Amino acid sequence: MAHLLHLDSSLAGDNSVSRAVAREYVANWQEKHPDGTVTHRDLAAAPPAHLDWTVVSAGMTPEDQRTPEQTEAFKARLGYIGEVTAADEVVITAPMYNWSLPTTLKAWIDQLIFVGVTVADADNPGLFHGKKVTVVTTQGGSYAPGAPKEGWNHVSPYLAHVLEALGADNVEFVNVEMTLSVVNPALAQFTDVFHASRASASEAVKTRALV
């Protein structure tokens, strides 16, 4: 049975564009897989713990020698890894905050990166190997070539690198830009850019989900 992991990281709730686009992906995916399973993890509602020495040291300590704190922290880490392992497909929302990704999403990624277990190498295909991964990114402005802040996008390049390191070989990014143009009068001249970008994202996730 097909299994989709749906990961949200926006703190904007119902006002989130990335969440709305991801829901469209899920709806189209369910149309293709009416008997499929969707696991939804909301990182804003339930933030993962940031890496600390307790969980890192647990990974280097034999199971029967771990402290109760190490055991609990490592159990949580294995839970995040297990959700990815169980999924055939993953859709991730990654809104840009201060030119980077949400700290909750970074914390989730840090929990996943476990050298010798999840990172791809000569003996390991990696955690995301063979899975279809779709990343929905959103930006309040534009960081496209020629834009005044071209090169300030530290979301997509980072995620592309991390997913590759974790063995992903089927990744597509779907982007919506100028999301703030509909709420910030100073950016109102760019609302057409937003609406065109939003419409393109809807088409892209529909096509991607139904492939």
C-alpha atoms as a PDB file:
ATOM      1  CA  MET A   1       0.000   0.000   0.000  1.00  0.00           C
ATOM      2  CA  ALA A   2       1.318   3.445  -0.964  1.00  0.00           C
ATOM      3  CA  HIS A   3       2.461   5.623   1.938  1.00  0.00           C
ATOM      4  CA  LEU A   4       3.013   9.401   1.864  1.00  0.00           C
ATOM      5  CA  LEU A   5       4.798  11.359   4.579  1.00  0.00           C
ATOM      6  CA  HIS A   6       3.481  14.949   4.639  1.00  0.00           C
ATOM      7  CA  LEU A   7       5.730  17.318   6.559  1.00  0.00           C
ATOM      8  CA  ASP A   8       4.704  20.898   7.377  1.00  0.00           C
ATOM      9  CA  SER A   9       6.955  23.535   8.926  1.00  0.00           C
ATOM     10  CA  SER A  10       5.159  26.862   8.444  1.00  0.00           C
ATOM     11  CA  LEU A  11       4.103  28.714  11.597  1.00  0.00           C
ATOM     12  CA  ALA A  12       1.392  30.638   9.730  1.00  0.00           C
ATOM     13  CA  GLY A  13      -1.379  28.056  10.117  1.00  0.00           C
ATOM     14  CA  ASP A  14      -4.316  28.537   7.747  1.00  0.00           C
ATOM     15  CA  ASN A  15      -2.606  31.616   6.270  1.00  0.00           C
ATOM     16  CA  SER A  16       0.330  29.546   5.044  1.00  0.00           C
ATOM     17  CA  VAL A  17       0.817  29.315   1.300  1.00  0.00           C
ATOM     18  CA  SER A  18       3.222  26.385   1.608  1.00  0.00           C
ATOM     19  CA  ARG A  19       0.680  24.417   3.641  1.00  0.00           C
ATOM     20  CA  ALA A  20      -2.039  25.160   1.079  1.00  0.00           C
ATOM     21  CA  VAL A  21       0.111  23.946  -1.808  1.00  0.00           C
ATOM     22  CA  ALA A  22       1.090  20.819   0.124  1.00  0.00           C
ATOM     23  CA  ARG A  23      -2.579  20.052   0.830  1.00  0.00           C
ATOM     24  CA  GLU A  24      -3.206  20.196  -2.907  1.00  0.00           C
ATOM     25  CA  TYR A  25      -0.387  17.715  -3.403  1.00  0.00           C
ATOM     26  CA  VAL A  26      -1.890  15.395  -0.791  1.00  0.00           C
ATOM     27  CA  ALA A  27      -5.391  15.650  -2.293  1.00  0.00           C
ATOM     28  CA  ASN A  28      -4.096  14.752  -5.747  1.00  0.00           C
ATOM     29  CA  TRP A  29      -1.964  11.954  -4.297  1.00  0.00           C
ATOM     30  CA  GLN A  30      -5.007  10.505  -2.543  1.00  0.00           C
ATOM     31  CA  GLU A  31      -6.916  10.645  -5.816  1.00  0.00           C
ATOM     32  CA  LYS A  32      -4.237   8.434  -7.326  1.00  0.00           C
ATOM     33  CA  HIS A  33      -3.901   6.259  -4.205  1.00  0.00           C
ATOM     34  CA  PRO A  34      -7.405   6.014  -2.684  1.00  0.00           C
ATOM     35  CA  ASP A  35      -6.250   3.202  -0.399  1.00  0.00           C
ATOM     36  CA  GLY A  36      -2.953   4.854   0.464  1.00  0.00           C
ATOM     37  CA  THR A  37      -1.772   6.019   3.884  1.00  0.00           C
ATOM     38  CA  VAL A  38      -0.848   9.620   4.686  1.00  0.00           C
ATOM     39  CA  THR A  39       1.264  10.392   7.755  1.00  0.00           C
ATOM     40  CA  HIS A  40       1.178  14.107   8.623  1.00  0.00           C
ATOM     41  CA  ARG A  41       3.822  15.630  10.865  1.00  0.00           C
ATOM     42  CA  ASP A  42       3.419  19.287  11.801  1.00  0.00           C
ATOM     43  CA  LEU A  43       6.792  20.562  12.965  1.00  0.00           C
ATOM     44  CA  ALA A  44       5.341  23.902  14.075  1.00  0.00           C
ATOM     45  CA  ALA A  45       2.802  22.213  16.349  1.00  0.00           C
ATOM     46  CA  ALA A  46       5.236  19.609  17.678  1.00  0.00           C
ATOM     47  CA  PRO A  47       8.815  20.869  17.197  1.00  0.00           C
ATOM     48  CA  PRO A  48      11.573  18.255  17.212  1.00  0.00           C
ATOM     49  CA  ALA A  49      14.239  18.631  19.851  1.00  0.00           C
ATOM     50  CA  HIS A  50      17.397  20.343  18.698  1.00  0.00           C
ATOM     51  CA  LEU A  51      20.444  18.138  18.691  1.00  0.00           C
ATOM     52  CA  ASP A  52      22.219  17.940  22.010  1.00  0.00           C
ATOM     53  CA  TRP A  53      24.959  15.808  23.452  1.00  0.00           C
ATOM     54  CA  THR A  54      22.445  13.430  25.014  1.00  0.00           C
ATOM     55  CA  VAL A  55      21.080  12.181  21.687  1.00  0.00           C
ATOM     56  CA  VAL A  56      24.413  12.391  19.868  1.00  0.00           C
ATOM     57  CA  SER A  57      26.235  10.422  22.552  1.00  0.00           C
ATOM     58  CA  ALA A  58      23.396   7.882  22.623  1.00  0.00           C
ATOM     59  CA  GLY A  59      24.208   6.964  19.045  1.00  0.00           C
ATOM     60  CA  MET A  60      27.767   6.159  20.114  1.00  0.00           C
ATOM     61  CA  THR A  61      26.793   4.196  23.215  1.00  0.00           C
ATOM     62  CA  PRO A  62      25.738   0.523  23.268  1.00  0.00           C
ATOM     63  CA  GLU A  63      22.015   0.247  23.906  1.00  0.00           C
ATOM     64  CA  ASP A  64      22.403  -1.571  27.215  1.00  0.00           C
ATOM     65  CA  GLN A  65      24.750   1.135  28.502  1.00  0.00           C
ATOM     66  CA  ARG A  66      22.620   4.199  27.738  1.00  0.00           C
ATOM     67  CA  THR A  67      21.202   6.380  30.464  1.00  0.00           C
ATOM     68  CA  PRO A  68      17.400   6.755  30.647  1.00  0.00           C
ATOM     69  CA  GLU A  69      17.791  10.238  29.119  1.00  0.00           C
ATOM     70  CA  GLN A  70      19.858   8.854  26.233  1.00  0.00           C
ATOM     71  CA  THR A  71      17.347   6.068  25.664  1.00  0.00           C
ATOM     72  CA  GLU A  72      14.417   8.491  25.477  1.00  0.00           C
ATOM     73  CA  ALA A  73      16.225  10.944  23.189  1.00  0.00           C
ATOM     74  CA  PHE A  74      17.400   8.197  20.858  1.00  0.00           C
ATOM     75  CA  LYS A  75      13.911   6.676  20.722  1.00  0.00           C
ATOM     76  CA  ALA A  76      12.560  10.003  19.472  1.00  0.00           C
ATOM     77  CA  ARG A  77      15.305  10.209  16.861  1.00  0.00           C
ATOM     78  CA  LEU A  78      14.535   6.713  15.606  1.00  0.00           C
ATOM     79  CA  GLY A  79      10.873   7.716  15.398  1.00  0.00           C
ATOM     80  CA  TYR A  80      11.629  10.485  12.896  1.00  0.00           C
ATOM     81  CA  ILE A  81      13.891   8.191  10.891  1.00  0.00           C
ATOM     82  CA  GLY A  82      11.266   5.449  10.978  1.00  0.00           C
ATOM     83  CA  GLU A  83       8.599   7.723   9.501  1.00  0.00           C
ATOM     84  CA  VAL A  84      10.784   8.440   6.499  1.00  0.00           C
ATOM     85  CA  THR A  85      11.758   4.795   6.151  1.00  0.00           C
ATOM     86  CA  ALA A  86       8.107   3.731   6.089  1.00  0.00           C
ATOM     87  CA  ALA A  87       7.126   6.230   3.376  1.00  0.00           C
ATOM     88  CA  ASP A  88       7.265   5.714  -0.368  1.00  0.00           C
ATOM     89  CA  GLU A  89       6.893   9.434  -1.018  1.00  0.00           C
ATOM     90  CA  VAL A  90       7.579  12.561   0.994  1.00  0.00           C
ATOM     91  CA  VAL A  91       6.233  16.099   0.580  1.00  0.00           C
ATOM     92  CA  ILE A  92       8.015  18.785   2.599  1.00  0.00           C
ATOM     93  CA  THR A  93       7.000  22.412   3.063  1.00  0.00           C
ATOM     94  CA  ALA A  94       9.849  24.853   3.499  1.00  0.00           C
ATOM     95  CA  PRO A  95       8.861  28.532   3.775  1.00  0.00           C
ATOM     96  CA  MET A  96      11.752  30.972   3.865  1.00  0.00           C
ATOM     97  CA  TYR A  97      12.314  32.676   7.206  1.00  0.00           C
ATOM     98  CA  ASN A  98      15.091  35.274   7.341  1.00  0.00           C
ATOM     99  CA  TRP A  99      16.613  33.902   4.117  1.00  0.00           C
ATOM    100  CA  SER A 100      16.818  30.364   5.514  1.00  0.00           C
ATOM    101  CA  LEU A 101      14.567  27.479   6.532  1.00  0.00           C
ATOM    102  CA  PRO A 102      12.465  27.252   9.706  1.00  0.00           C
ATOM    103  CA  THR A 103      14.471  26.118  12.714  1.00  0.00           C
ATOM    104  CA  THR A 104      11.972  23.325  13.291  1.00  0.00           C
ATOM    105  CA  LEU A 105      12.711  21.916   9.840  1.00  0.00           C
ATOM    106  CA  LYS A 106      16.457  22.177  10.483  1.00  0.00           C
ATOM    107  CA  ALA A 107      15.968  20.352  13.792  1.00  0.00           C
ATOM    108  CA  TRP A 108      14.071  17.560  12.002  1.00  0.00           C
ATOM    109  CA  ILE A 109      16.840  17.241   9.427  1.00  0.00           C
ATOM    110  CA  ASP A 110      19.476  17.135  12.166  1.00  0.00           C
ATOM    111  CA  GLN A 111      17.592  14.272  13.785  1.00  0.00           C
ATOM    112  CA  LEU A 112      17.648  12.388  10.470  1.00  0.00           C
ATOM    113  CA  ILE A 113      21.351  12.798   9.716  1.00  0.00           C
ATOM    114  CA  PHE A 114      23.030   9.805  11.325  1.00  0.00           C
ATOM    115  CA  VAL A 115      26.343   8.887   9.720  1.00  0.00           C
ATOM    116  CA  GLY A 116      26.617   5.162   9.167  1.00  0.00           C
ATOM    117  CA  VAL A 117      22.834   4.732   9.239  1.00  0.00           C
ATOM    118  CA  THR A 118      21.027   7.309   7.086  1.00  0.00           C
ATOM    119  CA  VAL A 119      23.727   9.142   5.120  1.00  0.00           C
ATOM    120  CA  ALA A 120      24.523   7.684   1.710  1.00  0.00           C
ATOM    121  CA  ASP A 121      27.958   6.161   1.259  1.00  0.00           C
ATOM    122  CA  ALA A 122      29.607   3.254  -0.537  1.00  0.00           C
ATOM    123  CA  ASP A 123      27.794   0.747   1.679  1.00  0.00           C
ATOM    124  CA  ASN A 124      24.506   2.550   2.249  1.00  0.00           C
ATOM    125  CA  PRO A 125      22.091   3.986  -0.343  1.00  0.00           C
ATOM    126  CA  GLY A 126      20.794   6.515   2.182  1.00  0.00           C
ATOM    127  CA  LEU A 127      17.517   7.174   3.960  1.00  0.00           C
ATOM    128  CA  PHE A 128      15.725   8.833   1.020  1.00  0.00           C
ATOM    129  CA  HIS A 129      17.032   6.542  -1.720  1.00  0.00           C
ATOM    130  CA  GLY A 130      14.252   5.400  -4.051  1.00  0.00           C
ATOM    131  CA  LYS A 131      11.637   7.744  -2.573  1.00  0.00           C
ATOM    132  CA  LYS A 132       9.875  10.488  -4.522  1.00  0.00           C
ATOM    133  CA  VAL A 133      10.494  13.729  -2.637  1.00  0.00           C
ATOM    134  CA  THR A 134       8.647  16.971  -3.367  1.00  0.00           C
ATOM    135  CA  VAL A 135       9.678  20.181  -1.619  1.00  0.00           C
ATOM    136  CA  VAL A 136       7.295  23.150  -1.568  1.00  0.00           C
ATOM    137  CA  THR A 137       9.214  26.368  -0.967  1.00  0.00           C
ATOM    138  CA  THR A 138       7.746  29.835  -0.493  1.00  0.00           C
ATOM    139  CA  GLN A 139       9.253  33.289  -0.253  1.00  0.00           C
ATOM    140  CA  GLY A 140       7.779  36.640   0.678  1.00  0.00           C
ATOM    141  CA  GLY A 141       9.868  38.286  -2.036  1.00  0.00           C
ATOM    142  CA  SER A 142      11.784  37.079  -5.058  1.00  0.00           C
ATOM    143  CA  TYR A 143      15.271  35.643  -5.253  1.00  0.00           C
ATOM    144  CA  ALA A 144      15.170  34.745  -8.922  1.00  0.00           C
ATOM    145  CA  PRO A 145      18.058  35.565 -11.262  1.00  0.00           C
ATOM    146  CA  GLY A 146      18.229  39.318 -11.705  1.00  0.00           C
ATOM    147  CA  ALA A 147      16.295  40.097  -8.513  1.00  0.00           C
ATOM    148  CA  PRO A 148      17.943  42.573  -6.111  1.00  0.00           C
ATOM    149  CA  LYS A 149      18.480  39.787  -3.557  1.00  0.00           C
ATOM    150  CA  GLU A 150      19.521  37.068  -5.954  1.00  0.00           C
ATOM    151  CA  GLY A 151      21.741  34.638  -4.075  1.00  0.00           C
ATOM    152  CA  TRP A 152      20.055  35.232  -0.705  1.00  0.00           C
ATOM    153  CA  ASN A 153      17.993  32.040  -0.971  1.00  0.00           C
ATOM    154  CA  HIS A 154      19.569  29.645   1.532  1.00  0.00           C
ATOM    155  CA  VAL A 155      16.592  27.282   1.593  1.00  0.00           C
ATOM    156  CA  SER A 156      16.584  25.403  -1.714  1.00  0.00           C
ATOM    157  CA  PRO A 157      20.373  24.955  -2.119  1.00  0.00           C
ATOM    158  CA  TYR A 158      20.696  23.629   1.430  1.00  0.00           C
ATOM    159  CA  LEU A 159      17.775  21.221   1.123  1.00  0.00           C
ATOM    160  CA  ALA A 160      19.004  19.963  -2.252  1.00  0.00           C
ATOM    161  CA  HIS A 161      22.404  19.213  -0.721  1.00  0.00           C
ATOM    162  CA  VAL A 162      20.971  17.519   2.376  1.00  0.00           C
ATOM    163  CA  LEU A 163      18.543  15.352   0.441  1.00  0.00           C
ATOM    164  CA  GLU A 164      21.311  14.280  -1.908  1.00  0.00           C
ATOM    165  CA  ALA A 165      23.520  13.423   1.072  1.00  0.00           C
ATOM    166  CA  LEU A 166      20.688  11.291   2.416  1.00  0.00           C
ATOM    167  CA  GLY A 167      20.454   9.394  -0.854  1.00  0.00           C
ATOM    168  CA  ALA A 168      17.494  11.101  -2.528  1.00  0.00           C
ATOM    169  CA  ASP A 169      17.525  10.534  -6.276  1.00  0.00           C
ATOM    170  CA  ASN A 170      14.033  11.784  -7.215  1.00  0.00           C
ATOM    171  CA  VAL A 171      13.547  15.325  -5.921  1.00  0.00           C
ATOM    172  CA  GLU A 172      11.478  18.191  -7.304  1.00  0.00           C
ATOM    173  CA  PHE A 173      11.192  21.712  -5.898  1.00  0.00           C
ATOM    174  CA  VAL A 174       7.952  23.662  -6.334  1.00  0.00           C
ATOM    175  CA  ASN A 175       8.260  27.354  -5.508  1.00  0.00           C
ATOM    176  CA  VAL A 176       5.867  30.222  -4.847  1.00  0.00           C
ATOM    177  CA  GLU A 177       7.362  33.714  -4.667  1.00  0.00           C
ATOM    178  CA  MET A 178       6.157  37.165  -3.636  1.00  0.00           C
ATOM    179  CA  THR A 179       3.716  35.781  -1.054  1.00  0.00           C
ATOM    180  CA  LEU A 180       3.925  39.035   0.935  1.00  0.00           C
ATOM    181  CA  SER A 181       2.673  41.076  -2.005  1.00  0.00           C
ATOM    182  CA  VAL A 182      -0.953  40.382  -1.053  1.00  0.00           C
ATOM    183  CA  VAL A 183      -0.519  41.619   2.542  1.00  0.00           C
ATOM    184  CA  ASN A 184       2.203  44.283   2.283  1.00  0.00           C
ATOM    185  CA  PRO A 185       1.112  47.432   0.404  1.00  0.00           C
ATOM    186  CA  ALA A 186       4.747  48.211  -0.420  1.00  0.00           C
ATOM    187  CA  LEU A 187       4.838  45.051  -2.547  1.00  0.00           C
ATOM    188  CA  ALA A 188       1.381  45.371  -4.121  1.00  0.00           C
ATOM    189  CA  GLN A 189       2.875  45.933  -7.573  1.00  0.00           C
ATOM    190  CA  PHE A 190       4.048  42.314  -7.501  1.00  0.00           C
ATOM    191  CA  THR A 191       0.695  40.638  -6.820  1.00  0.00           C
ATOM    192  CA  ASP A 192       0.489  39.452 -10.430  1.00  0.00           C
ATOM    193  CA  VAL A 193       3.832  37.723  -9.974  1.00  0.00           C
ATOM    194  CA  PHE A 194       2.521  35.984  -6.854  1.00  0.00           C
ATOM    195  CA  HIS A 195      -0.714  34.841  -8.459  1.00  0.00           C
ATOM    196  CA  ALA A 196       1.099  33.487 -11.507  1.00  0.00           C
ATOM    197  CA  SER A 197       3.608  31.722  -9.280  1.00  0.00           C
ATOM    198  CA  ARG A 198       0.826  30.300  -7.102  1.00  0.00           C
ATOM    199  CA  ALA A 199      -1.078  28.990 -10.107  1.00  0.00           C
ATOM    200  CA  SER A 200       2.071  27.383 -11.511  1.00  0.00           C
ATOM    201  CA  ALA A 201       2.651  25.681  -8.158  1.00  0.00           C
ATOM    202  CA  SER A 202      -0.838  24.198  -8.202  1.00  0.00           C
ATOM    203  CA  GLU A 203      -0.249  22.756 -11.643  1.00  0.00           C
ATOM    204  CA  ALA A 204       3.172  21.486 -10.667  1.00  0.00           C
ATOM    205  CA  VAL A 205       2.026  19.605  -7.556  1.00  0.00           C
ATOM    206  CA  LYS A 206      -0.944  18.141  -9.408  1.00  0.00           C
ATOM    207  CA  THR A 207       1.318  16.819 -12.146  1.00  0.00           C
ATOM    208  CA  ARG A 208       3.911  15.623  -9.663  1.00  0.00           C
ATOM    209  CA  ALA A 209       1.416  13.855  -7.382  1.00  0.00           C
ATOM    210  CA  LEU A 210      -0.260  12.025 -10.237  1.00  0.00           C
ATOM    211  CA  VAL A 211       2.935  10.769 -11.865  1.00  0.00           C
END
